């Protein structure tokens, strides 16, 4: 099982705000009704709808109309007789709440952004999309993240990646021109920067940093990719699985490299410090490059992964985009499938990339990316990324989200150590059903 939440786009401030909201555990909590089986609607079954798909297809989006209007216009031009009725709610909490109410009332749109597919697919609210043109187009990582009980219920067309956004001009002052290959090399570079009077790194404290996500992702990969499942199946504990990567991360603060002020900083504040050239690196995601590039013309920018304890273990934070889904009760299921296939088709993906700047990952289109994202791109497509809220599988994990962030802030402030984070998570998890 896996959980999808929204990778963030548009501008850095919006993404940061949504990251904080997502980290607070805003999930869809649905009650399966009528005993419907996975991938089918409850007792009444799916509406047959027009066999040619012509007519109206309703679409509920958390990408706004400005983003989706060009794609809708192109789809309607390519499919005469099919019209898209667009509706929108801003992510994350308002969209999630609205979708929940509409699904329970059986009034949800034909196509929508999937929330928690463990519940929505398991509850029979969404159609099985396995083998469709859209499914064949999405990346293996997208397919993996959108699979429930062996079937695909959502289509992700993009993935965000995150690590260290780097001002290489500042790094050149200490004769560093390449990304460190190990964590020790990274700490050495930070120490040199500090000695040169340059603030080495800043992390925002309003969400789990990309450094933490990447280090846990490394640990997960080394364990075979099932650490999260083992934790939530109670085969292991947070203390056993996460203490080492969190101890590695905490060196930023135990060694006096990171600032205690980080705990109170928001993502846009950290980005502003970077734009002002007061810090050499910040932890952020791929969405930040566009705005930073515009604000820092001529500066040599790069994105570096988070290195591990040994060479070759570098990793990225990141998550597949929240997937498009087809309502199992769609009034026009044929038209709905045509629309989803278009959104995941080469033209639709290209238009989405051009509009949003997202790192699209389908196999039918290769996006033109900012040079700073070129190192990240192949590994993002391959799914060499980990994201806290995407990995957590249930609707009752909001308490864990809040506990995790609170304890991380304490470490930033020098009030706790890494072991206290995982001990607190184990205690909180023990009280969850």
Protein backbone atom coordinates (compact mmCIF):
# COMPACT_ATOMS: atom_id res chain seq x y z
CA UNK A 1 0.00 0.00 0.00
CA UNK A 2 1.06 3.57 -0.54
CA UNK A 3 -0.30 6.99 0.09
CA UNK A 4 -0.45 9.94 -2.27
CA UNK A 5 -0.38 13.55 -1.27
CA UNK A 6 0.25 16.53 -3.44
CA UNK A 7 3.71 17.45 -4.75
CA UNK A 8 3.66 21.21 -4.78
CA UNK A 9 4.01 23.55 -7.67
CA UNK A 10 3.47 27.08 -8.94
CA UNK A 11 5.61 29.30 -6.67
CA UNK A 12 7.87 28.55 -3.74
CA UNK A 13 5.62 30.23 -1.19
CA UNK A 14 2.55 28.23 -2.24
CA UNK A 15 4.49 24.97 -2.17
CA UNK A 16 5.90 25.71 1.25
CA UNK A 17 2.47 26.48 2.63
CA UNK A 18 1.05 23.28 1.21
CA UNK A 19 3.98 21.24 2.45
CA UNK A 20 3.26 22.43 5.94
CA UNK A 21 -0.40 21.56 5.52
CA UNK A 22 0.40 18.15 4.13
CA UNK A 23 2.85 17.49 6.94
CA UNK A 24 0.07 18.22 9.38
CA UNK A 25 -1.59 15.05 8.14
CA UNK A 26 -4.54 16.37 6.16
CA UNK A 27 -5.89 13.14 4.70
CA UNK A 28 -9.11 11.92 3.25
CA UNK A 29 -10.98 9.70 5.71
CA UNK A 30 -13.66 7.75 3.91
CA UNK A 31 -16.05 5.08 5.05
CA UNK A 32 -16.56 2.33 2.49
CA UNK A 33 -20.28 1.99 1.84
CA UNK A 34 -22.44 -0.79 0.54
CA UNK A 35 -19.76 -3.47 0.59
CA UNK A 36 -18.43 -2.63 -2.88
CA UNK A 37 -15.29 -4.49 -3.92
CA UNK A 38 -12.04 -2.77 -4.81
CA UNK A 39 -12.22 -0.86 -8.06
CA UNK A 40 -16.01 -1.02 -8.38
CA UNK A 41 -18.70 1.21 -7.10
CA UNK A 42 -20.93 0.26 -4.23
CA UNK A 43 -24.09 -1.72 -4.82
CA UNK A 44 -25.56 0.36 -7.67
CA UNK A 45 -22.60 -0.23 -10.00
CA UNK A 46 -21.01 2.07 -12.57
CA UNK A 47 -23.15 4.09 -14.93
CA UNK A 48 -22.76 2.89 -18.52
CA UNK A 49 -22.83 6.41 -19.95
CA UNK A 50 -22.51 7.21 -23.67
CA UNK A 51 -20.59 4.50 -25.49
CA UNK A 52 -18.63 7.03 -27.57
CA UNK A 53 -17.76 9.22 -24.60
CA UNK A 54 -19.48 12.25 -26.10
CA UNK A 55 -21.23 14.65 -23.81
CA UNK A 56 -20.11 16.16 -20.54
CA UNK A 57 -17.22 14.94 -18.40
CA UNK A 58 -17.01 16.51 -14.95
CA UNK A 59 -13.53 17.21 -13.57
CA UNK A 60 -12.67 18.22 -10.00
CA UNK A 61 -9.16 19.66 -9.76
CA UNK A 62 -6.83 21.23 -7.26
CA UNK A 63 -4.82 22.73 -10.08
CA UNK A 64 -6.59 26.01 -10.73
CA UNK A 65 -8.38 27.02 -13.91
CA UNK A 66 -5.41 29.05 -15.15
CA UNK A 67 -3.33 25.86 -15.15
CA UNK A 68 -5.94 23.49 -16.55
CA UNK A 69 -7.84 25.70 -19.02
CA UNK A 70 -5.30 25.29 -21.89
CA UNK A 71 -5.29 21.51 -21.47
CA UNK A 72 -9.08 21.35 -21.38
CA UNK A 73 -9.34 23.50 -24.52
CA UNK A 74 -6.87 21.26 -26.36
CA UNK A 75 -8.67 18.09 -25.28
CA UNK A 76 -12.06 19.43 -26.41
CA UNK A 77 -10.53 20.46 -29.77
CA UNK A 78 -9.17 16.94 -30.25
CA UNK A 79 -12.40 15.29 -29.11
CA UNK A 80 -15.38 17.04 -30.74
CA UNK A 81 -18.57 16.44 -28.85
CA UNK A 82 -16.87 15.97 -25.48
CA UNK A 83 -16.93 18.88 -23.05
CA UNK A 84 -15.18 19.19 -19.70
CA UNK A 85 -17.09 20.77 -16.83
CA UNK A 86 -14.36 22.09 -14.56
CA UNK A 87 -14.55 22.64 -10.81
CA UNK A 88 -11.81 23.51 -8.36
CA UNK A 89 -10.94 23.64 -4.68
CA UNK A 90 -7.56 24.82 -3.43
CA UNK A 91 -5.25 22.22 -1.90
CA UNK A 92 -4.75 20.78 0.55
CA UNK A 93 -7.45 20.88 3.27
CA UNK A 94 -10.29 22.46 1.29
CA UNK A 95 -9.85 20.11 -1.65
CA UNK A 96 -9.60 17.04 0.56
CA UNK A 97 -12.66 18.01 2.59
CA UNK A 98 -14.73 18.76 -0.51
CA UNK A 99 -13.74 15.53 -2.23
CA UNK A 100 -14.59 13.51 0.85
CA UNK A 101 -18.06 15.00 1.11
CA UNK A 102 -18.79 14.48 -2.59
CA UNK A 103 -17.60 10.88 -2.59
CA UNK A 104 -19.72 10.04 0.42
CA UNK A 105 -22.71 11.78 -1.16
CA UNK A 106 -22.08 9.98 -4.48
CA UNK A 107 -21.83 13.33 -6.29
CA UNK A 108 -18.10 13.35 -7.05
CA UNK A 109 -16.86 14.30 -10.50
CA UNK A 110 -16.13 11.77 -13.24
CA UNK A 111 -12.40 12.61 -12.97
CA UNK A 112 -10.68 13.91 -9.85
CA UNK A 113 -7.33 14.03 -8.08
CA UNK A 114 -7.00 10.91 -5.96
CA UNK A 115 -6.52 11.49 -2.26
CA UNK A 116 -5.84 8.42 -0.11
CA UNK A 117 -6.11 5.55 -2.56
CA UNK A 118 -5.82 2.95 0.17
CA UNK A 119 -9.28 4.05 1.22
CA UNK A 120 -10.68 5.31 -2.07
CA UNK A 121 -9.67 2.27 -4.11
CA UNK A 122 -10.32 -0.10 -1.21
CA UNK A 123 -13.72 1.51 -0.69
CA UNK A 124 -14.72 1.10 -4.32
CA UNK A 125 -14.72 4.79 -5.20
CA UNK A 126 -12.33 4.68 -8.15
CA UNK A 127 -11.99 2.72 -11.36
CA UNK A 128 -9.19 0.23 -12.03
CA UNK A 129 -6.94 1.89 -14.63
CA UNK A 130 -4.52 -1.00 -15.10
CA UNK A 131 -3.41 -1.35 -18.71
CA UNK A 132 -5.00 1.85 -19.98
CA UNK A 133 -3.05 4.18 -22.26
CA UNK A 134 -2.55 6.52 -19.31
CA UNK A 135 -1.22 3.72 -17.11
CA UNK A 136 1.21 2.62 -19.80
CA UNK A 137 2.52 6.18 -20.09
CA UNK A 138 3.24 6.81 -16.42
CA UNK A 139 6.64 5.99 -14.98
CA UNK A 140 7.25 2.71 -13.12
CA UNK A 141 7.59 4.78 -9.94
CA UNK A 142 4.24 6.44 -10.56
CA UNK A 143 2.67 3.06 -11.19
CA UNK A 144 4.19 1.66 -8.01
CA UNK A 145 2.88 4.52 -5.90
CA UNK A 146 -0.59 4.28 -7.43
CA UNK A 147 -1.03 0.54 -7.06
CA UNK A 148 -3.36 -1.01 -4.51
CA UNK A 149 -3.78 -4.79 -4.21
CA UNK A 150 -2.02 -5.30 -7.52
CA UNK A 151 -4.12 -2.86 -9.56
CA UNK A 152 -3.48 0.70 -10.68
CA UNK A 153 -6.01 3.30 -9.58
CA UNK A 154 -4.27 6.58 -10.36
CA UNK A 155 -2.11 8.25 -12.97
CA UNK A 156 0.82 10.48 -11.96
CA UNK A 157 2.41 12.51 -14.72
CA UNK A 158 5.17 14.17 -12.68
CA UNK A 159 7.46 13.78 -9.67
CA UNK A 160 9.15 16.45 -7.60
CA UNK A 161 12.64 16.05 -6.26
CA UNK A 162 14.44 17.80 -3.44
CA UNK A 163 17.85 18.12 -1.86
CA UNK A 164 20.26 21.04 -1.56
CA UNK A 165 19.79 24.08 -3.79
CA UNK A 166 23.33 25.42 -4.13
CA UNK A 167 24.88 28.78 -4.93
CA UNK A 168 28.01 27.47 -6.59
CA UNK A 169 29.53 30.94 -6.74
CA UNK A 170 29.76 30.90 -2.94
CA UNK A 171 31.14 27.35 -2.95
CA UNK A 172 33.88 28.39 -5.35
CA UNK A 173 35.20 30.71 -2.64
CA UNK A 174 36.30 27.60 -0.73
CA UNK A 175 37.39 25.81 -3.94
CA UNK A 176 34.44 23.39 -4.00
CA UNK A 177 33.02 22.80 -7.46
CA UNK A 178 31.37 19.38 -7.22
CA UNK A 179 28.74 17.77 -5.03
CA UNK A 180 30.19 15.89 -2.05
CA UNK A 181 30.13 12.13 -2.45
CA UNK A 182 29.76 11.27 1.23
CA UNK A 183 28.15 12.81 4.30
CA UNK A 184 31.59 13.41 5.84
CA UNK A 185 32.62 15.36 2.73
CA UNK A 186 29.44 17.44 3.03
CA UNK A 187 30.18 18.25 6.68
CA UNK A 188 33.75 19.18 5.70
CA UNK A 189 32.45 21.57 3.03
CA UNK A 190 30.04 23.14 5.51
CA UNK A 191 32.86 23.58 8.01
CA UNK A 192 35.02 25.33 5.39
CA UNK A 193 32.16 27.64 4.48
CA UNK A 194 31.62 28.59 8.11
CA UNK A 195 35.32 29.25 8.59
CA UNK A 196 35.21 31.52 5.54
CA UNK A 197 32.39 33.55 7.10
CA UNK A 198 29.70 32.10 4.83
CA UNK A 199 26.56 30.63 6.33
CA UNK A 200 26.66 27.02 5.10
CA UNK A 201 23.05 25.84 5.05
CA UNK A 202 19.52 26.69 6.12
CA UNK A 203 16.54 24.40 6.54
CA UNK A 204 12.95 25.53 7.12
CA UNK A 205 11.39 24.35 10.35
CA UNK A 206 7.79 24.41 9.15
CA UNK A 207 8.03 20.98 7.58
CA UNK A 208 10.24 17.91 7.40
CA UNK A 209 13.35 18.94 5.47
CA UNK A 210 14.53 17.35 2.26
CA UNK A 211 17.72 16.36 4.10
CA UNK A 212 15.76 14.18 6.51
CA UNK A 213 13.61 12.69 3.78
CA UNK A 214 16.59 11.78 1.63
CA UNK A 215 18.50 10.18 4.51
CA UNK A 216 15.48 8.09 5.49
CA UNK A 217 15.05 7.23 1.82
CA UNK A 218 18.63 5.93 1.76
CA UNK A 219 17.93 3.78 4.81
CA UNK A 220 14.76 2.49 3.21
CA UNK A 221 16.55 1.60 -0.02
CA UNK A 222 19.32 -0.18 1.87
CA UNK A 223 16.68 -2.24 3.68
CA UNK A 224 15.09 -3.32 0.42
CA UNK A 225 12.45 -0.61 0.12
CA UNK A 226 10.07 -1.92 2.76
CA UNK A 227 11.06 -0.04 5.93
CA UNK A 228 7.83 1.94 5.99
CA UNK A 229 5.68 -1.13 5.49
CA UNK A 230 7.59 -2.96 8.23
CA UNK A 231 7.06 -0.07 10.63
CA UNK A 232 3.36 0.17 9.98
CA UNK A 233 2.97 -3.61 10.04
CA UNK A 234 4.75 -3.42 13.42
CA UNK A 235 7.56 -5.70 12.27
CA UNK A 236 10.08 -3.07 13.30
CA UNK A 237 10.04 0.27 15.10
CA UNK A 238 10.88 3.87 14.29
CA UNK A 239 13.74 3.57 16.76
CA UNK A 240 15.22 0.61 14.93
CA UNK A 241 14.65 1.96 11.43
CA UNK A 242 15.10 5.72 11.66
CA UNK A 243 17.46 6.53 14.52
CA UNK A 244 20.62 6.19 12.42
CA UNK A 245 19.54 8.45 9.51
CA UNK A 246 18.14 11.02 11.93
CA UNK A 247 21.37 10.92 13.93
CA UNK A 248 23.26 11.64 10.73
CA UNK A 249 20.98 14.60 9.97
CA UNK A 250 21.27 15.93 13.53
CA UNK A 251 25.01 16.49 13.02
CA UNK A 252 24.04 19.70 11.23
CA UNK A 253 23.04 21.01 14.67
CA UNK A 254 25.23 19.06 17.09
CA UNK A 255 28.27 20.29 15.16
CA UNK A 256 27.08 23.87 15.05
CA UNK A 257 26.61 24.03 11.30
CA UNK A 258 22.86 24.66 11.09
CA UNK A 259 21.18 27.57 12.80
CA UNK A 260 18.98 27.14 15.86
CA UNK A 261 16.75 29.75 14.23
CA UNK A 262 15.81 27.15 11.60
CA UNK A 263 13.07 25.77 13.85
CA UNK A 264 11.13 29.03 13.48
CA UNK A 265 11.82 29.63 9.78
CA UNK A 266 9.31 29.09 7.00
CA UNK A 267 10.23 27.97 3.54
CA UNK A 268 9.83 31.37 1.92
CA UNK A 269 12.07 32.96 4.57
CA UNK A 270 14.80 30.40 3.88
CA UNK A 271 14.47 31.00 0.15
CA UNK A 272 14.73 34.76 0.67
CA UNK A 273 18.00 34.30 2.56
CA UNK A 274 19.33 32.26 -0.35
CA UNK A 275 18.26 34.86 -2.91
CA UNK A 276 19.99 37.52 -0.81
CA UNK A 277 23.20 35.45 -1.10
CA UNK A 278 23.49 35.10 2.67
CA UNK A 279 23.59 31.30 2.65
CA UNK A 280 25.38 28.83 0.36
CA UNK A 281 22.77 26.04 0.38
CA UNK A 282 19.15 25.57 1.34
CA UNK A 283 17.00 22.49 1.56
CA UNK A 284 14.08 22.72 -0.83
CA UNK A 285 12.39 21.08 -3.80
CA UNK A 286 12.62 21.34 -7.56
CA UNK A 287 9.72 23.79 -7.67
CA UNK A 288 11.96 26.55 -6.22
CA UNK A 289 14.34 26.78 -9.17
CA UNK A 290 12.17 28.93 -11.43
CA UNK A 291 11.60 31.71 -8.91
CA UNK A 292 15.17 31.60 -7.60
CA UNK A 293 16.62 31.68 -11.10
CA UNK A 294 14.53 34.74 -11.91
CA UNK A 295 15.62 36.46 -8.71
CA UNK A 296 19.33 35.57 -9.13
CA UNK A 297 20.20 36.09 -12.80
CA UNK A 298 23.76 35.16 -13.60
CA UNK A 299 24.33 33.14 -10.44
CA UNK A 300 25.64 29.60 -10.95
CA UNK A 301 22.91 27.42 -9.41
CA UNK A 302 22.81 23.67 -8.95
CA UNK A 303 20.80 21.02 -7.10
CA UNK A 304 22.76 18.45 -5.14
CA UNK A 305 21.49 15.20 -3.67
CA UNK A 306 21.92 14.34 -0.01
CA UNK A 307 24.97 12.08 0.32
CA UNK A 308 25.10 8.99 2.48
CA UNK A 309 27.75 7.60 4.80
CA UNK A 310 29.55 5.91 1.92
CA UNK A 311 30.09 6.91 -1.69
CA UNK A 312 27.26 6.01 -4.05
CA UNK A 313 24.45 6.34 -1.54
CA UNK A 314 23.22 9.81 -2.46
CA UNK A 315 19.46 10.18 -2.45
CA UNK A 316 16.72 12.72 -3.04
CA UNK A 317 13.55 13.74 -1.29
CA UNK A 318 10.51 13.64 -3.54
CA UNK A 319 7.14 12.21 -4.40
CA UNK A 320 5.01 11.31 -7.38
CA UNK A 321 2.35 13.85 -8.25
CA UNK A 322 -1.13 13.22 -6.91
CA UNK A 323 -2.76 11.06 -9.53
CA UNK A 324 -5.74 11.54 -11.78
CA UNK A 325 -8.49 9.02 -11.05
CA UNK A 326 -11.76 8.00 -12.65
CA UNK A 327 -14.83 7.79 -10.44
CA UNK A 328 -16.25 4.28 -10.37
CA UNK A 329 -19.67 5.96 -10.56
CA UNK A 330 -18.72 8.21 -13.46
CA UNK A 331 -21.71 9.32 -15.51
CA UNK A 332 -19.51 9.34 -18.61
CA UNK A 333 -16.81 6.72 -17.96
CA UNK A 334 -15.70 6.50 -21.60
CA UNK A 335 -15.27 10.26 -21.85
CA UNK A 336 -13.56 10.30 -18.46
CA UNK A 337 -11.04 7.69 -19.61
CA UNK A 338 -10.38 9.64 -22.79
CA UNK A 339 -9.65 12.74 -20.73
CA UNK A 340 -7.26 10.94 -18.37
CA UNK A 341 -5.52 9.32 -21.34
CA UNK A 342 -5.09 12.79 -22.84
CA UNK A 343 -3.72 14.25 -19.61
CA UNK A 344 -1.10 11.48 -19.56
CA UNK A 345 -0.51 11.66 -23.33
CA UNK A 346 2.44 13.42 -24.91
CA UNK A 347 0.55 16.61 -25.79
CA UNK A 348 -1.16 16.88 -22.41
CA UNK A 349 2.05 16.25 -20.50
CA UNK A 350 3.97 18.77 -22.57
CA UNK A 351 1.31 21.41 -21.97
CA UNK A 352 1.26 20.65 -18.24
CA UNK A 353 5.04 20.99 -18.06
CA UNK A 354 5.00 24.23 -20.03
CA UNK A 355 2.36 25.65 -17.70
CA UNK A 356 3.74 24.49 -14.36
CA UNK A 357 7.44 23.75 -14.86
CA UNK A 358 6.92 20.37 -13.21
CA UNK A 359 9.37 17.51 -13.69
CA UNK A 360 7.11 15.37 -15.86
CA UNK A 361 8.06 11.70 -15.89
CA UNK A 362 5.89 9.93 -18.47
CA UNK A 363 7.60 7.84 -21.11
CA UNK A 364 6.13 9.81 -24.00
CA UNK A 365 7.67 13.22 -23.35
CA UNK A 366 11.03 14.46 -22.10
CA UNK A 367 10.73 17.92 -20.54
CA UNK A 368 13.18 20.75 -21.09
CA UNK A 369 14.40 21.50 -17.59
CA UNK A 370 16.47 24.14 -15.92
CA UNK A 371 20.15 23.06 -16.00
CA UNK A 372 20.13 22.87 -12.20
CA UNK A 373 17.67 19.97 -12.41
CA UNK A 374 19.58 17.81 -14.87
CA UNK A 375 21.40 15.76 -12.23
CA UNK A 376 18.15 15.18 -10.40
CA UNK A 377 16.00 14.28 -13.41
CA UNK A 378 16.98 10.65 -14.17
CA UNK A 379 16.87 9.66 -10.51
CA UNK A 380 13.51 11.36 -10.00
CA UNK A 381 12.11 9.47 -12.99
CA UNK A 382 13.53 6.25 -11.55
CA UNK A 383 11.86 6.96 -8.20
CA UNK A 384 15.04 7.34 -6.20
CA UNK A 385 13.12 9.64 -3.87
CA UNK A 386 11.38 9.43 -0.52
CA UNK A 387 8.75 11.65 1.04
CA UNK A 388 7.44 11.50 4.58
CA UNK A 389 3.75 12.01 3.92
CA UNK A 390 3.63 9.85 0.77
CA UNK A 391 5.06 6.87 2.61
CA UNK A 392 2.67 6.92 5.56
CA UNK A 393 -0.26 4.67 4.74
CA UNK A 394 -3.28 5.55 6.83
CA UNK A 395 -5.72 8.28 7.81
CA UNK A 396 -4.71 8.10 11.47
CA UNK A 397 -1.13 9.26 10.97
CA UNK A 398 -1.71 13.00 11.45
CA UNK A 399 -0.65 12.64 15.08
CA UNK A 400 2.62 11.09 13.90
CA UNK A 401 3.14 13.96 11.45
CA UNK A 402 2.74 16.52 14.20
CA UNK A 403 4.94 14.60 16.65
CA UNK A 404 7.66 14.14 14.04
CA UNK A 405 7.82 17.84 13.19
CA UNK A 406 7.73 18.95 16.82
CA UNK A 407 10.63 16.69 17.78
CA UNK A 408 12.68 17.73 14.73
CA UNK A 409 12.28 21.36 15.80
CA UNK A 410 13.56 20.47 19.26
CA UNK A 411 16.70 18.94 17.76
CA UNK A 412 17.24 22.07 15.67
CA UNK A 413 17.09 24.12 18.84
CA UNK A 414 19.53 21.85 20.67
CA UNK A 415 16.88 20.67 23.11
CA UNK A 416 16.81 16.98 22.12
CA UNK A 417 18.70 14.33 20.21
CA UNK A 418 17.75 12.10 17.28
CA UNK A 419 16.91 9.13 19.49
CA UNK A 420 14.26 11.19 21.23
CA UNK A 421 12.49 11.69 17.90
CA UNK A 422 12.12 8.00 17.16
CA UNK A 423 11.30 7.14 20.76
CA UNK A 424 8.47 9.68 20.69
CA UNK A 425 7.20 8.33 17.37
CA UNK A 426 7.16 4.79 18.74
CA UNK A 427 5.21 5.98 21.75
CA UNK A 428 2.72 7.90 19.64
CA UNK A 429 2.33 5.03 17.17
CA UNK A 430 1.66 2.57 19.98
CA UNK A 431 -1.49 4.53 20.79
CA UNK A 432 -2.84 4.51 17.23
CA UNK A 433 -5.19 1.91 15.87
